[in-house]
C-alpha atoms as a PDB file:
ATOM      1  CA  MET A   1       0.000   0.000   0.000  1.00  0.00           C
ATOM      2  CA  GLY A   2       3.104   2.275   0.105  1.00  0.00           C
ATOM      3  CA  LYS A   3       2.663   5.767   1.475  1.00  0.00           C
ATOM      4  CA  HIS A   4      -1.108   5.290   1.498  1.00  0.00           C
ATOM      5  CA  GLN A   5      -0.866   2.477   4.057  1.00  0.00           C
ATOM      6  CA  LEU A   6      -3.363   2.873   6.827  1.00  0.00           C
ATOM      7  CA  CYS A   7      -1.882   3.847  10.182  1.00  0.00           C
ATOM      8  CA  ASN A   8      -2.171   1.467  13.109  1.00  0.00           C
ATOM      9  CA  GLU A   9      -4.007   2.440  16.286  1.00  0.00           C
ATOM     10  CA  ASP A  10      -0.951   3.930  18.009  1.00  0.00           C
ATOM     11  CA  SER A  11       0.244   5.973  15.017  1.00  0.00           C
ATOM     12  CA  CYS A  12      -3.287   7.237  14.291  1.00  0.00           C
ATOM     13  CA  ARG A  13      -3.630   8.327  17.887  1.00  0.00           C
ATOM     14  CA  TRP A  14      -0.268  10.125  17.673  1.00  0.00           C
ATOM     15  CA  ARG A  15      -1.324  11.872  14.451  1.00  0.00           C
ATOM     16  CA  ARG A  16      -4.599  13.022  15.963  1.00  0.00           C
ATOM     17  CA  ARG A  17      -2.703  14.217  19.025  1.00  0.00           C
ATOM     18  CA  LYS A  18      -0.245  16.189  16.864  1.00  0.00           C
ATOM     19  CA  GLU A  19      -3.054  17.818  14.898  1.00  0.00           C
ATOM     20  CA  ALA A  20      -4.836  18.770  18.126  1.00  0.00           C
ATOM     21  CA  ARG A  21      -1.793  20.389  19.745  1.00  0.00           C
ATOM     22  CA  PRO A  22      -2.274  23.978  18.486  1.00  0.00           C
ATOM     23  CA  GLY A  23      -5.826  23.976  19.816  1.00  0.00           C
ATOM     24  CA  GLU A  24      -4.725  22.505  23.149  1.00  0.00           C
ATOM     25  CA  ILE A  25      -2.019  25.160  23.463  1.00  0.00           C
ATOM     26  CA  LEU A  26      -4.514  27.938  22.681  1.00  0.00           C
ATOM     27  CA  ASP A  27      -6.964  26.565  25.245  1.00  0.00           C
ATOM     28  CA  ALA A  28      -4.211  26.482  27.868  1.00  0.00           C
ATOM     29  CA  ALA A  29      -3.140  30.028  26.998  1.00  0.00           C
ATOM     30  CA  LEU A  30      -6.716  31.315  27.283  1.00  0.00           C
ATOM     31  CA  GLU A  31      -7.089  29.701  30.712  1.00  0.00           C
ATOM     32  CA  LEU A  32      -3.803  31.070  32.040  1.00  0.00           C
ATOM     33  CA  PHE A  33      -4.061  34.538  30.482  1.00  0.00           C
ATOM     34  CA  THR A  34      -7.506  35.046  32.012  1.00  0.00           C
ATOM     35  CA  GLU A  35      -6.471  33.546  35.361  1.00  0.00           C
ATOM     36  CA  LYS A  36      -3.077  35.216  35.842  1.00  0.00           C
ATOM     37  CA  GLY A  37      -2.817  37.982  33.255  1.00  0.00           C
ATOM     38  CA  PHE A  38      -0.658  38.257  30.165  1.00  0.00           C
ATOM     39  CA  ALA A  39       2.541  39.536  31.799  1.00  0.00           C
ATOM     40  CA  ALA A  40       2.463  37.010  34.634  1.00  0.00           C
ATOM     41  CA  THR A  41       1.951  33.986  32.377  1.00  0.00           C
ATOM     42  CA  LYS A  42       5.078  32.179  31.176  1.00  0.00           C
ATOM     43  CA  LEU A  43       5.193  30.008  28.091  1.00  0.00           C
ATOM     44  CA  THR A  44       6.533  27.169  30.230  1.00  0.00           C
ATOM     45  CA  GLU A  45       3.260  27.323  32.177  1.00  0.00           C
ATOM     46  CA  VAL A  46       1.234  27.276  28.971  1.00  0.00           C
ATOM     47  CA  ALA A  47       3.190  24.236  27.804  1.00  0.00           C
ATOM     48  CA  ALA A  48       2.671  22.441  31.107  1.00  0.00           C
ATOM     49  CA  ARG A  49      -1.073  23.197  31.111  1.00  0.00           C
ATOM     50  CA  ALA A  50      -1.328  21.917  27.516  1.00  0.00           C
ATOM     51  CA  GLY A  51       0.725  18.805  28.316  1.00  0.00           C
ATOM     52  CA  VAL A  52       3.510  19.575  25.840  1.00  0.00           C
ATOM     53  CA  SER A  53       7.093  20.825  26.007  1.00  0.00           C
ATOM     54  CA  LYS A  54       8.020  24.494  25.717  1.00  0.00           C
ATOM     55  CA  GLY A  55       9.759  23.617  22.441  1.00  0.00           C
ATOM     56  CA  THR A  56       6.480  22.306  21.082  1.00  0.00           C
ATOM     57  CA  VAL A  57       4.811  25.641  21.848  1.00  0.00           C
ATOM     58  CA  TYR A  58       7.514  27.391  19.818  1.00  0.00           C
ATOM     59  CA  LEU A  59       6.873  25.051  16.892  1.00  0.00           C
ATOM     60  CA  TYR A  60       3.481  26.715  16.472  1.00  0.00           C
ATOM     61  CA  PHE A  61       3.898  30.167  18.041  1.00  0.00           C
ATOM     62  CA  ASP A  62       7.136  32.151  17.955  1.00  0.00           C
ATOM     63  CA  SER A  63       6.220  34.423  20.893  1.00  0.00           C
ATOM     64  CA  LYS A  64       3.671  34.977  23.641  1.00  0.00           C
ATOM     65  CA  GLU A  65       2.291  37.887  21.607  1.00  0.00           C
ATOM     66  CA  ALA A  66       1.750  35.609  18.599  1.00  0.00           C
ATOM     67  CA  LEU A  67       0.009  33.133  20.890  1.00  0.00           C
ATOM     68  CA  PHE A  68      -2.314  35.864  22.145  1.00  0.00           C
ATOM     69  CA  GLN A  69      -3.143  37.018  18.628  1.00  0.00           C
ATOM     70  CA  GLU A  70      -3.978  33.512  17.465  1.00  0.00           C
ATOM     71  CA  MET A  71      -6.071  32.968  20.595  1.00  0.00           C
ATOM     72  CA  VAL A  72      -8.154  36.055  19.731  1.00  0.00           C
ATOM     73  CA  LYS A  73      -8.509  34.927  16.129  1.00  0.00           C
ATOM     74  CA  GLU A  74      -9.700  31.470  17.168  1.00  0.00           C
ATOM     75  CA  THR A  75     -12.030  32.436  20.025  1.00  0.00           C
ATOM     76  CA  LEU A  76     -13.588  35.787  19.079  1.00  0.00           C
ATOM     77  CA  LEU A  77     -13.312  36.419  15.354  1.00  0.00           C
ATOM     78  CA  PRO A  78     -15.478  33.467  14.256  1.00  0.00           C
ATOM     79  CA  HIS A  79     -18.362  34.932  16.272  1.00  0.00           C
ATOM     80  CA  LEU A  80     -17.852  38.340  14.681  1.00  0.00           C
ATOM     81  CA  GLU A  81     -17.909  36.717  11.258  1.00  0.00           C
ATOM     82  CA  GLN A  82     -21.154  34.894  12.117  1.00  0.00           C
ATOM     83  CA  ALA A  83     -22.705  38.139  13.314  1.00  0.00           C
ATOM     84  CA  GLU A  84     -21.711  39.951  10.128  1.00  0.00           C
ATOM     85  CA  LEU A  85     -23.283  37.215   8.016  1.00  0.00           C
ATOM     86  CA  ARG A  86     -26.406  37.305  10.144  1.00  0.00           C
ATOM     87  CA  VAL A  87     -26.793  41.047   9.695  1.00  0.00           C
ATOM     88  CA  GLY A  88     -26.405  40.673   5.936  1.00  0.00           C
ATOM     89  CA  SER A  89     -29.067  37.978   5.645  1.00  0.00           C
ATOM     90  CA  HIS A  90     -31.588  39.082   8.299  1.00  0.00           C
ATOM     91  CA  GLU A  91     -35.037  39.846   6.897  1.00  0.00           C
ATOM     92  CA  GLY A  92     -36.946  40.666  10.073  1.00  0.00           C
ATOM     93  CA  SER A  93     -36.973  43.763  12.232  1.00  0.00           C
ATOM     94  CA  THR A  94     -33.782  45.393  13.439  1.00  0.00           C
ATOM     95  CA  SER A  95     -34.969  44.995  17.035  1.00  0.00           C
ATOM     96  CA  ASP A  96     -35.244  41.224  16.560  1.00  0.00           C
ATOM     97  CA  LEU A  97     -31.812  41.232  14.976  1.00  0.00           C
ATOM     98  CA  MET A  98     -30.309  42.995  18.004  1.00  0.00           C
ATOM     99  CA  HIS A  99     -32.032  40.618  20.431  1.00  0.00           C
ATOM    100  CA  GLY A 100     -30.698  37.622  18.503  1.00  0.00           C
ATOM    101  CA  LEU A 101     -27.146  38.924  18.353  1.00  0.00           C
ATOM    102  CA  CYS A 102     -27.171  39.824  22.036  1.00  0.00           C
ATOM    103  CA  ALA A 103     -28.339  36.303  22.909  1.00  0.00           C
ATOM    104  CA  HIS A 104     -25.611  34.797  20.722  1.00  0.00           C
ATOM    105  CA  TRP A 105     -22.959  36.944  22.415  1.00  0.00           C
ATOM    106  CA  ARG A 106     -24.232  36.020  25.870  1.00  0.00           C
ATOM    107  CA  ASN A 107     -24.373  32.272  25.151  1.00  0.00           C
ATOM    108  CA  ASN A 108     -21.177  31.888  23.141  1.00  0.00           C
ATOM    109  CA  ILE A 109     -18.828  34.461  24.651  1.00  0.00           C
ATOM    110  CA  LEU A 110     -20.064  35.819  27.982  1.00  0.00           C
ATOM    111  CA  ASN A 111     -20.786  32.337  29.332  1.00  0.00           C
ATOM    112  CA  THR A 112     -17.374  31.027  28.284  1.00  0.00           C
ATOM    113  CA  ARG A 113     -13.781  31.701  29.330  1.00  0.00           C
ATOM    114  CA  SER A 114     -13.458  33.993  26.285  1.00  0.00           C
ATOM    115  CA  ALA A 115     -15.322  36.639  28.279  1.00  0.00           C
ATOM    116  CA  GLY A 116     -12.116  37.190  30.246  1.00  0.00           C
ATOM    117  CA  ILE A 117     -10.289  38.577  27.221  1.00  0.00           C
ATOM    118  CA  PRO A 118     -11.656  42.169  27.424  1.00  0.00           C
ATOM    119  CA  LYS A 119     -10.538  42.479  31.063  1.00  0.00           C
ATOM    120  CA  LEU A 120      -7.157  40.999  30.160  1.00  0.00           C
ATOM    121  CA  VAL A 121      -6.568  43.507  27.365  1.00  0.00           C
ATOM    122  CA  ILE A 122      -7.759  46.524  29.367  1.00  0.00           C
ATOM    123  CA  ALA A 123      -5.581  45.567  32.340  1.00  0.00           C
ATOM    124  CA  GLU A 124      -2.460  45.003  30.226  1.00  0.00           C
ATOM    125  CA  ALA A 125      -2.931  47.644  27.498  1.00  0.00           C
ATOM    126  CA  SER A 126      -0.506  50.235  28.874  1.00  0.00           C
ATOM    127  CA  ASN A 127       2.283  47.684  29.256  1.00  0.00           C
ATOM    128  CA  PHE A 128       1.636  45.909  25.945  1.00  0.00           C
ATOM    129  CA  PRO A 129       0.519  48.594  23.451  1.00  0.00           C
ATOM    130  CA  GLU A 130       0.937  46.338  20.422  1.00  0.00           C
ATOM    131  CA  MET A 131      -1.400  43.801  21.961  1.00  0.00           C
ATOM    132  CA  ALA A 132      -3.915  46.595  22.612  1.00  0.00           C
ATOM    133  CA  ARG A 133      -3.628  47.895  19.046  1.00  0.00           C
ATOM    134  CA  PHE A 134      -4.151  44.416  17.654  1.00  0.00           C
ATOM    135  CA  TYR A 135      -7.262  43.915  19.796  1.00  0.00           C
ATOM    136  CA  MET A 136      -8.638  47.321  18.864  1.00  0.00           C
ATOM    137  CA  GLU A 137      -8.200  46.643  15.156  1.00  0.00           C
ATOM    138  CA  LYS A 138      -9.417  43.057  15.046  1.00  0.00           C
ATOM    139  CA  VAL A 139     -12.168  43.080  17.668  1.00  0.00           C
ATOM    140  CA  VAL A 140     -13.218  46.499  18.989  1.00  0.00           C
ATOM    141  CA  ASN A 141     -13.233  48.430  15.714  1.00  0.00           C
ATOM    142  CA  ARG A 142     -14.835  45.574  13.829  1.00  0.00           C
ATOM    143  CA  GLY A 143     -17.485  45.037  16.499  1.00  0.00           C
ATOM    144  CA  THR A 144     -18.256  48.749  16.673  1.00  0.00           C
ATOM    145  CA  ALA A 145     -18.567  48.936  12.888  1.00  0.00           C
ATOM    146  CA  LEU A 146     -21.001  46.017  13.017  1.00  0.00           C
ATOM    147  CA  VAL A 147     -23.228  47.769  15.568  1.00  0.00           C
ATOM    148  CA  GLU A 148     -23.083  50.984  13.532  1.00  0.00           C
ATOM    149  CA  ARG A 149     -24.247  48.999  10.523  1.00  0.00           C
ATOM    150  CA  ILE A 150     -27.170  47.576  12.518  1.00  0.00           C
ATOM    151  CA  LEU A 151     -28.206  51.004  13.785  1.00  0.00           C
ATOM    152  CA  GLN A 152     -28.039  52.474  10.295  1.00  0.00           C
ATOM    153  CA  ARG A 153     -30.194  49.604   9.079  1.00  0.00           C
ATOM    154  CA  GLY A 154     -32.815  50.539  11.671  1.00  0.00           C
ATOM    155  CA  VAL A 155     -32.740  54.185  10.579  1.00  0.00           C
ATOM    156  CA  ASP A 156     -32.943  53.320   6.881  1.00  0.00           C
ATOM    157  CA  LYS A 157     -35.941  51.062   7.452  1.00  0.00           C
ATOM    158  CA  GLY A 158     -37.797  53.699   9.452  1.00  0.00           C
ATOM    159  CA  GLU A 159     -37.606  51.718  12.700  1.00  0.00           C
ATOM    160  CA  PHE A 160     -35.122  53.982  14.536  1.00  0.00           C
ATOM    161  CA  ARG A 161     -34.900  57.750  14.847  1.00  0.00           C
ATOM    162  CA  GLU A 162     -31.971  59.707  13.483  1.00  0.00           C
ATOM    163  CA  MET A 163     -29.011  59.568  15.852  1.00  0.00           C
ATOM    164  CA  ASP A 164     -25.284  59.965  16.281  1.00  0.00           C
ATOM    165  CA  ILE A 165     -24.520  56.500  14.936  1.00  0.00           C
ATOM    166  CA  ALA A 166     -20.884  56.284  16.077  1.00  0.00           C
ATOM    167  CA  ASN A 167     -21.457  57.240  19.696  1.00  0.00           C
ATOM    168  CA  THR A 168     -24.723  55.341  19.993  1.00  0.00           C
ATOM    169  CA  ALA A 169     -22.901  52.191  18.880  1.00  0.00           C
ATOM    170  CA  ARG A 170     -20.462  52.644  21.764  1.00  0.00           C
ATOM    171  CA  ALA A 171     -23.386  53.136  24.160  1.00  0.00           C
ATOM    172  CA  VAL A 172     -24.914  49.869  22.939  1.00  0.00           C
ATOM    173  CA  LEU A 173     -21.668  47.953  23.442  1.00  0.00           C
ATOM    174  CA  ALA A 174     -20.535  49.430  26.758  1.00  0.00           C
ATOM    175  CA  PRO A 175     -22.808  47.421  29.121  1.00  0.00           C
ATOM    176  CA  MET A 176     -21.946  44.210  27.281  1.00  0.00           C
ATOM    177  CA  ILE A 177     -18.248  44.835  27.824  1.00  0.00           C
ATOM    178  CA  PHE A 178     -18.929  45.813  31.423  1.00  0.00           C
ATOM    179  CA  ALA A 179     -20.718  42.493  31.992  1.00  0.00           C
ATOM    180  CA  ALA A 180     -17.682  40.555  30.744  1.00  0.00           C
ATOM    181  CA  ILE A 181     -15.264  42.567  32.894  1.00  0.00           C
ATOM    182  CA  TYR A 182     -17.506  42.388  35.969  1.00  0.00           C
ATOM    183  CA  ASP A 183     -17.871  38.609  35.752  1.00  0.00           C
ATOM    184  CA  HIS A 184     -14.080  38.276  35.832  1.00  0.00           C
ATOM    185  CA  SER A 185     -13.421  40.785  38.596  1.00  0.00           C
ATOM    186  CA  LEU A 186     -16.036  41.834  41.177  1.00  0.00           C
ATOM    187  CA  ARG A 187     -18.838  39.347  40.442  1.00  0.00           C
ATOM    188  CA  PRO A 188     -17.583  36.673  42.916  1.00  0.00           C
ATOM    189  CA  TYR A 189     -17.842  39.253  45.697  1.00  0.00           C
ATOM    190  CA  ASP A 190     -21.300  40.582  44.758  1.00  0.00           C
ATOM    191  CA  ASP A 191     -24.002  39.323  47.123  1.00  0.00           C
ATOM    192  CA  GLY A 192     -26.723  41.368  45.451  1.00  0.00           C
ATOM    193  CA  PRO A 193     -29.508  40.172  43.123  1.00  0.00           C
ATOM    194  CA  TYR A 194     -27.363  40.511  40.012  1.00  0.00           C
ATOM    195  CA  ASP A 195     -28.439  38.388  37.036  1.00  0.00           C
ATOM    196  CA  VAL A 196     -26.384  39.049  33.936  1.00  0.00           C
ATOM    197  CA  GLY A 197     -29.102  37.853  31.565  1.00  0.00           C
ATOM    198  CA  LYS A 198     -31.716  40.145  33.092  1.00  0.00           C
ATOM    199  CA  TYR A 199     -29.176  42.964  33.243  1.00  0.00           C
ATOM    200  CA  LEU A 200     -28.465  42.720  29.514  1.00  0.00           C
ATOM    201  CA  ASP A 201     -32.145  42.342  28.655  1.00  0.00           C
ATOM    202  CA  SER A 202     -32.958  45.469  30.661  1.00  0.00           C
ATOM    203  CA  HIS A 203     -30.209  47.380  28.893  1.00  0.00           C
ATOM    204  CA  LEU A 204     -31.347  46.282  25.448  1.00  0.00           C
ATOM    205  CA  HIS A 205     -34.981  47.165  26.162  1.00  0.00           C
ATOM    206  CA  MET A 206     -33.953  50.659  27.287  1.00  0.00           C
ATOM    207  CA  ILE A 207     -31.760  51.133  24.200  1.00  0.00           C
ATOM    208  CA  LEU A 208     -34.461  49.964  21.795  1.00  0.00           C
ATOM    209  CA  ASP A 209     -37.148  52.052  23.485  1.00  0.00           C
ATOM    210  CA  GLY A 210     -34.919  55.119  23.214  1.00  0.00           C
ATOM    211  CA  LEU A 211     -34.163  54.459  19.551  1.00  0.00           C
ATOM    212  CA  LYS A 212     -37.733  53.952  18.354  1.00  0.00           C
ATOM    213  CA  LEU A 213     -39.055  56.407  15.813  1.00  0.00           C
ATOM    214  CA  ARG A 214     -41.903  58.173  17.593  1.00  0.00           C
END
């Protein structure tokens, strides 16, 4: 069978393990970055958490910064891409679109370890400006542009009043970012009746009520 010979059980397992390594390293990096911070995390710790050697980490990522960038690309950008496609194909009301996107963000980002990334970047931005610039370009600017597009859609369809699109988009996003930061900072010490789902629903209802064309 030559080079097309089927692998045995051990070699197939090794091949699957090798192919899974970048993902395992990224998962370990996400856990450690959100637990300890970017500066405090060493690549040796990432390797140990992923169950590989430090040399193996360097086979896939030539620096901690490159590891961070790939982590963002793998964990956040696919959801932005899905949201962009959803906006382009949505045929219902803009309010329904915003409710759907907010639910997707809450279920797929806020309720996962990825929600720790905004706090990580904000905390480390002054010490790692290139990391901050990368995050601004790839996530913040793109996400803001998406919300601006949604708001403009509402105006064009006669659902929303005229507004300052750019600043309103930031107002829409701010409580969502706050929720992610709060969950990874003060939330464990909050004994009050805080429910993040109800909090975000309340925010969205207030935003939509304020945007309606009277």
